[in-house]
Amino acid sequence: MEFETLRFELEGELGILAFNRPERANAVNSVMLEELNSFWRDMQTRDDCRVLILTGEGEKGFCSGLDLKEAADPSGGFMREGISGTSMWKGQRRFSGLIELMRACPQPVIAAVNGAAMGAGFSFAMAADVRLAAPGARFCASYINIGLGGADVGSSYLLWRIVGWGRAAELLLTGKVVGAEEAYRMGLVNEVCPAEQLMPRAREIAGLMLEKSPLGLRLTKDALNAALNCLSLPDALRVEDRNQVLLMENLLIAGGMISSSPPPAQRGGAE
């Protein structure tokens, strides 16, 4: 896949996607927006890539959000359909739809946050399954700082599920910047790694995931998504039960669960 504003590499079954506008702290311009939509739509049906790492090129940022310079330019790409309620709605949906695509893709996504994750960049990090941060990483729901609502690009849905209601309300209502260590303390990131160890650690976690069965990995993310989407406990248990039966059947067909030893119940032992 060839892109102008992204870099994608496939290392075996591990895909690495990097925001690639380091001169603009990897801000999202109109070209990147379309390329991200294309990339995440493609990932929905790809079997050759089983795990994804998401990061940013350069030292300035993971993704600093919307490219405000282009957004303010009447002749820029964001304004190509003119200024109207309809055109603004379409543009907004191109952004927010990325979060749906990220969560729907079957590949677990590891965000390796190497710098500023602001606005939409913050939302992209939240939409990942696992978040690692370098010491210089910073997070900010900056939408409210530019005169918009603090809840944007999935932040009102994802953030409180990650850090709790009170913390999420504070971040969305104040637009405060959170450093890597504070992000770790509140549970926003899984680990803080030295900058030079960020990608090796992301690859290490990805490697552990790749050791698992392809179907098991996909169905686990599927179950996490179902629970994330407000299932009741009984509903979550039904999804888990369905997945486990499908996987056990798959193993039996492949011969992976056939053993010469009788099961515990036949030996008179308790489970």
Protein backbone atom coordinates (compact mmCIF):
# COMPACT_ATOMS: atom_id res chain seq x y z
CA MET A 1 0.00 0.00 0.00
CA GLU A 2 1.46 3.34 -1.11
CA PHE A 3 0.60 6.51 0.79
CA GLU A 4 1.61 10.15 0.79
CA THR A 5 1.03 10.87 4.50
CA LEU A 6 1.29 7.41 6.06
CA ARG A 7 3.93 4.70 6.14
CA PHE A 8 2.84 1.07 6.31
CA GLU A 9 5.16 -1.91 6.57
CA LEU A 10 4.31 -5.57 6.94
CA GLU A 11 6.83 -7.63 8.90
CA GLY A 12 5.54 -11.16 8.58
CA GLU A 13 2.07 -10.95 10.10
CA LEU A 14 2.81 -7.74 12.02
CA GLY A 15 1.76 -4.49 10.42
CA ILE A 16 3.30 -1.14 11.42
CA LEU A 17 1.39 2.00 10.50
CA ALA A 18 3.03 5.39 11.09
CA PHE A 19 1.58 8.86 10.70
CA ASN A 20 4.11 10.39 8.32
CA ARG A 21 3.95 14.19 8.39
CA PRO A 22 6.72 14.85 10.91
CA GLU A 23 7.19 18.43 9.69
CA ARG A 24 3.65 19.13 10.96
CA ALA A 25 3.86 16.94 14.09
CA ASN A 26 1.86 14.37 12.10
CA ALA A 27 -1.23 16.58 12.00
CA VAL A 28 -4.13 15.23 9.96
CA ASN A 29 -4.63 17.08 6.68
CA SER A 30 -7.26 16.23 4.07
CA VAL A 31 -4.97 13.76 2.29
CA MET A 32 -4.15 11.89 5.50
CA LEU A 33 -7.83 11.79 6.41
CA GLU A 34 -8.69 10.04 3.16
CA GLU A 35 -5.68 7.73 3.40
CA LEU A 36 -6.59 6.72 6.96
CA ASN A 37 -10.13 5.90 5.87
CA SER A 38 -8.76 3.82 3.00
CA PHE A 39 -6.27 2.03 5.25
CA TRP A 40 -8.70 1.08 8.00
CA ARG A 41 -11.34 -0.06 5.50
CA ASP A 42 -8.73 -2.31 3.88
CA MET A 43 -7.78 -3.81 7.24
CA GLN A 44 -11.30 -5.16 7.77
CA THR A 45 -10.72 -8.02 5.32
CA ARG A 46 -6.95 -8.58 5.36
CA ASP A 47 -5.75 -11.95 6.62
CA ASP A 48 -2.03 -11.41 6.05
CA CYS A 49 -1.84 -8.84 8.86
CA ARG A 50 -2.85 -10.15 12.29
CA VAL A 51 -1.59 -7.44 14.68
CA LEU A 52 -1.00 -3.71 14.13
CA ILE A 53 1.33 -1.20 15.77
CA LEU A 54 0.32 2.45 15.36
CA THR A 55 2.96 5.15 15.87
CA GLY A 56 4.20 8.49 14.52
CA GLU A 57 7.25 9.47 12.50
CA GLY A 58 9.72 11.98 13.93
CA GLU A 59 10.22 13.26 17.46
CA LYS A 60 7.54 15.97 17.63
CA GLY A 61 4.42 13.93 17.85
CA PHE A 62 2.42 10.76 17.61
CA CYS A 63 -0.40 12.72 15.97
CA SER A 64 -1.15 16.33 16.89
CA GLY A 65 -4.74 16.19 15.61
CA LEU A 66 -6.35 18.28 12.91
CA ASP A 67 -4.03 20.37 10.75
CA LEU A 68 -5.45 23.74 11.79
CA LYS A 69 -3.47 25.59 9.14
CA GLU A 70 -5.15 23.69 6.33
CA ALA A 71 -8.51 23.74 8.09
CA ALA A 72 -8.40 27.56 8.21
CA ASP A 73 -7.51 27.87 4.52
CA PRO A 74 -10.63 28.49 2.39
CA SER A 75 -8.83 26.97 -0.58
CA GLY A 76 -7.55 23.97 1.40
CA GLY A 77 -8.60 20.37 1.00
CA PHE A 78 -11.02 20.45 3.91
CA MET A 79 -13.03 23.17 2.15
CA ARG A 80 -13.19 21.49 -1.26
CA GLU A 81 -16.95 20.96 -0.95
CA GLY A 82 -17.59 24.51 0.22
CA ILE A 83 -18.79 25.70 3.61
CA SER A 84 -22.23 24.45 4.57
CA GLY A 85 -23.88 22.35 7.21
CA THR A 86 -23.89 19.40 4.83
CA SER A 87 -20.21 19.66 3.91
CA MET A 88 -19.17 20.10 7.54
CA TRP A 89 -21.23 17.05 8.54
CA LYS A 90 -19.56 14.95 5.83
CA GLY A 91 -16.13 16.08 6.97
CA GLN A 92 -16.94 15.35 10.60
CA ARG A 93 -18.13 11.86 9.70
CA ARG A 94 -14.90 11.15 7.82
CA PHE A 95 -13.08 11.77 11.10
CA SER A 96 -15.44 10.03 13.50
CA GLY A 97 -15.87 7.07 11.17
CA LEU A 98 -12.18 6.27 11.63
CA ILE A 99 -12.82 5.32 15.26
CA GLU A 100 -15.54 2.89 14.22
CA LEU A 101 -13.22 1.37 11.62
CA MET A 102 -10.36 1.05 14.11
CA ARG A 103 -12.52 -0.72 16.66
CA ALA A 104 -14.13 -2.94 14.01
CA CYS A 105 -10.87 -4.14 12.45
CA PRO A 106 -10.07 -7.70 13.56
CA GLN A 107 -6.41 -6.94 14.29
CA PRO A 108 -5.46 -5.94 17.84
CA VAL A 109 -3.96 -2.44 17.68
CA ILE A 110 -1.01 -1.37 19.85
CA ALA A 111 -0.48 2.39 20.01
CA ALA A 112 3.19 3.29 20.53
CA VAL A 113 2.77 6.93 21.51
CA ASN A 114 6.12 8.63 20.91
CA GLY A 115 5.06 12.27 21.37
CA ALA A 116 2.04 14.52 21.38
CA ALA A 117 -1.34 12.81 20.99
CA MET A 118 -3.69 15.76 20.71
CA GLY A 119 -7.30 16.04 19.61
CA ALA A 120 -7.94 13.40 16.96
CA GLY A 121 -4.52 11.92 17.75
CA PHE A 122 -5.68 11.40 21.33
CA SER A 123 -8.79 9.64 20.02
CA PHE A 124 -6.70 7.41 17.75
CA ALA A 125 -4.65 6.35 20.78
CA MET A 126 -7.82 5.67 22.79
CA ALA A 127 -9.23 3.52 19.98
CA ALA A 128 -6.21 1.20 20.21
CA ASP A 129 -6.39 -1.94 22.34
CA VAL A 130 -3.05 -1.40 24.13
CA ARG A 131 -1.27 1.91 24.67
CA LEU A 132 2.45 2.35 25.33
CA ALA A 133 4.02 5.76 25.86
CA ALA A 134 7.50 7.23 25.68
CA PRO A 135 8.42 9.64 28.52
CA GLY A 136 7.86 12.60 26.20
CA ALA A 137 4.33 11.55 25.25
CA ARG A 138 1.55 14.03 25.99
CA PHE A 139 -2.19 13.57 25.75
CA CYS A 140 -4.87 16.21 25.38
CA ALA A 141 -8.54 16.33 24.43
CA SER A 142 -7.79 19.67 22.82
CA TYR A 143 -11.10 20.09 21.01
CA ILE A 144 -12.47 22.34 23.75
CA ASN A 145 -9.34 24.51 23.61
CA ILE A 146 -10.15 25.67 20.07
CA GLY A 147 -13.77 26.58 20.77
CA LEU A 148 -15.39 23.23 20.01
CA GLY A 149 -17.07 20.77 22.35
CA GLY A 150 -14.76 18.72 24.51
CA ALA A 151 -16.37 15.48 23.34
CA ASP A 152 -15.25 14.65 19.81
CA VAL A 153 -14.03 11.74 17.64
CA GLY A 154 -15.22 9.11 20.11
CA SER A 155 -13.73 10.68 23.24
CA SER A 156 -17.00 10.78 25.21
CA TYR A 157 -17.48 7.07 24.55
CA LEU A 158 -13.95 5.73 25.00
CA LEU A 159 -12.25 7.90 27.60
CA TRP A 160 -14.42 7.24 30.64
CA ARG A 161 -14.31 3.52 29.91
CA ILE A 162 -10.51 3.70 30.13
CA VAL A 163 -9.88 6.11 33.02
CA GLY A 164 -13.24 6.38 34.81
CA TRP A 165 -15.98 9.00 34.72
CA GLY A 166 -14.42 11.66 36.93
CA ARG A 167 -11.04 11.64 35.21
CA ALA A 168 -12.66 11.67 31.78
CA ALA A 169 -14.89 14.60 32.73
CA GLU A 170 -11.85 16.54 33.96
CA LEU A 171 -9.88 15.95 30.78
CA LEU A 172 -12.73 16.69 28.38
CA LEU A 173 -14.01 19.77 30.23
CA THR A 174 -10.62 21.39 30.85
CA GLY A 175 -8.55 20.36 27.82
CA LYS A 176 -5.59 19.87 30.16
CA VAL A 177 -2.41 18.26 28.89
CA VAL A 178 -1.45 14.99 30.57
CA GLY A 179 2.14 13.73 30.57
CA ALA A 180 3.19 10.11 30.21
CA GLU A 181 3.61 9.37 33.92
CA GLU A 182 0.25 10.87 34.86
CA ALA A 183 -1.33 8.99 31.96
CA TYR A 184 0.12 5.78 33.38
CA ARG A 185 -1.13 6.50 36.89
CA MET A 186 -4.68 7.08 35.68
CA GLY A 187 -4.65 3.95 33.50
CA LEU A 188 -4.67 5.75 30.18
CA VAL A 189 -1.51 3.92 29.07
CA ASN A 190 -0.38 0.40 29.93
CA GLU A 191 3.32 1.20 30.23
CA VAL A 192 5.81 4.05 29.97
CA CYS A 193 8.95 2.93 28.14
CA PRO A 194 12.25 4.69 27.43
CA ALA A 195 11.98 6.28 23.99
CA GLU A 196 14.51 3.89 22.47
CA GLN A 197 12.59 0.90 23.88
CA LEU A 198 9.12 1.99 22.78
CA MET A 199 8.98 0.16 19.46
CA PRO A 200 10.91 -2.92 20.69
CA ARG A 201 8.42 -3.24 23.55
CA ALA A 202 5.49 -2.82 21.16
CA ARG A 203 6.96 -5.54 18.95
CA GLU A 204 7.45 -7.77 22.00
CA ILE A 205 3.77 -7.47 22.97
CA ALA A 206 2.74 -7.97 19.35
CA GLY A 207 4.90 -11.10 19.24
CA LEU A 208 3.05 -12.56 22.22
CA MET A 209 -0.25 -11.93 20.44
CA LEU A 210 1.02 -13.50 17.22
CA GLU A 211 1.81 -16.70 19.11
CA LYS A 212 -1.93 -17.20 19.64
CA SER A 213 -4.30 -18.83 17.18
CA PRO A 214 -5.57 -16.43 14.49
CA LEU A 215 -9.20 -17.21 15.22
CA GLY A 216 -8.70 -17.02 18.98
CA LEU A 217 -7.09 -13.60 18.66
CA ARG A 218 -9.88 -12.26 16.46
CA LEU A 219 -12.69 -13.62 18.61
CA THR A 220 -11.07 -12.22 21.75
CA LYS A 221 -11.09 -8.73 20.24
CA ASP A 222 -14.65 -9.38 19.09
CA ALA A 223 -15.65 -10.24 22.66
CA LEU A 224 -13.88 -7.17 24.04
CA ASN A 225 -15.73 -5.01 21.54
CA ALA A 226 -19.05 -6.56 22.47
CA ALA A 227 -18.41 -5.89 26.17
CA LEU A 228 -17.18 -2.36 25.39
CA ASN A 229 -20.47 -1.73 23.65
CA CYS A 230 -22.43 -2.03 26.91
CA LEU A 231 -23.39 -5.69 27.03
CA SER A 232 -24.90 -6.90 30.28
CA LEU A 233 -22.98 -9.62 32.15
CA PRO A 234 -25.28 -12.37 30.79
CA ASP A 235 -24.83 -11.03 27.25
CA ALA A 236 -21.03 -10.92 27.66
CA LEU A 237 -21.03 -14.49 28.97
CA ARG A 238 -23.04 -15.66 25.94
CA VAL A 239 -20.51 -14.06 23.58
CA GLU A 240 -17.63 -15.69 25.47
CA ASP A 241 -19.42 -19.06 25.48
CA ARG A 242 -20.04 -18.85 21.73
CA ASN A 243 -16.41 -18.00 21.03
CA GLN A 244 -15.03 -20.77 23.22
CA VAL A 245 -17.28 -23.44 21.66
CA LEU A 246 -16.28 -22.29 18.16
CA LEU A 247 -12.59 -22.40 19.11
CA MET A 248 -12.87 -25.80 20.81
CA GLU A 249 -14.61 -27.16 17.72
CA ASN A 250 -11.85 -25.68 15.58
CA LEU A 251 -9.18 -27.35 17.73
CA LEU A 252 -10.99 -30.69 17.66
CA ILE A 253 -11.24 -30.58 13.89
CA ALA A 254 -7.52 -29.76 13.70
CA GLY A 255 -6.66 -32.50 16.19
CA GLY A 256 -5.25 -30.07 18.72
CA MET A 257 -7.46 -31.21 21.61
CA ILE A 258 -7.25 -34.96 21.01
CA SER A 259 -5.32 -36.61 23.83
CA SER A 260 -4.50 -40.21 24.75
CA SER A 261 -5.41 -39.47 28.38
CA PRO A 262 -9.09 -39.65 29.34
CA PRO A 263 -10.67 -36.45 30.61
CA PRO A 264 -10.69 -35.87 34.39
CA ALA A 265 -14.35 -36.92 34.74
CA GLN A 266 -13.53 -40.37 33.34
CA ARG A 267 -10.56 -40.78 35.69
CA GLY A 268 -12.73 -40.09 38.70
CA GLY A 269 -11.02 -36.79 39.40
CA ALA A 270 -12.64 -33.42 40.03
CA GLU A 271 -12.25 -30.56 37.61
